[in-house]
Amino acid sequence: MFMRYPFLDALRGFSLCSMTLYHLLWDIVYLSGRSLPWYDGMAGYLWQQSICWTFIAVSGMSLALEVKKKGRKRAAKSRLVLVGWGTAITFVTRQAMPQEPIYFGVIFFLGAVSLLTICFWPVMEKKPKGAALFCGTLFFFLRNAPQGFWGFERMVGPALPEMLTHFGLFSAFWGFPPRDFYSADYFPLIPWWGLFGFAAALGALWLKKGSVPDLLKKDVPFLRTLGRKSLWIYLLHQPVIMGVMWGMGMIKI
């Protein structure tokens, strides 16, 4: 068992709590038809992004620690499990909710991006500062790639070549979705590999210097426990929420 830093698990647990509440409100707004104007505005967007950024960054740092302790092959095997679950989610949502399918959701992304990062790990481990700079730059300049543009958030740059979108699901997987592509939960490799890779490179830098921050050793027991059950909480929280709402007559399934 590789050494786990409790504060990383606690951060993941906090993000899970925030995500569960966010999805509860999503169901209330989009499945039961209630109106929450702020939820569809900037406040809701910033909330959603805080969950994504935290969850992905923590996963990147955790990968660095796991590769250090377990080796690349064993770390890759554990990430293949996430790819399998992500693929299962796609199959289930296509059958059960064809109007809201999930292609390349966050679970699939975390598995795929981990495997990709592990392939480049010898370089990242040797040159963590350069890797962090590269990944951070990738994330900044290609944050808007899924919308078809260079740039970061509202700093929209020139349009990306349209030919990048001409390869169907393969294009969508990389971050250049065709116009008719839709996914209820979509995390392509670009730009999110930039954030994940930056966090992983930062973890590699700490390990190389032998100076992992003391903050990572701080513990919040309840959140840490949740963080260590993140996969099951992610898989089960929406069915539980929807089941409760259905039981209360708030939605029809």
Foldseek 3Di string as FASTA:
>chain_A
DFDAQLVLLLLLLVLLVLVLVLVLVVCLCPFLPDDDPVCPDPNVVVSVVVSVLSNLLSLLLVLLRCCVGPNLVVSLVVLVVLLVVLVVQQVVCCVPPVVAGADAFPSNVSSVLSNVCSVCVVVLLVCLVVQLVVLLVQCAQFVCQLVQFTGHDPGTHHGDDLVLQVPAVVSQQQRDHDPPDDHNGGDHCPPSSSSSRNSNSVSSVCVVVVHDDPSSNDHDPVSSVSSVVVVVSVVCSVVVSVVVCVVVVSGDD
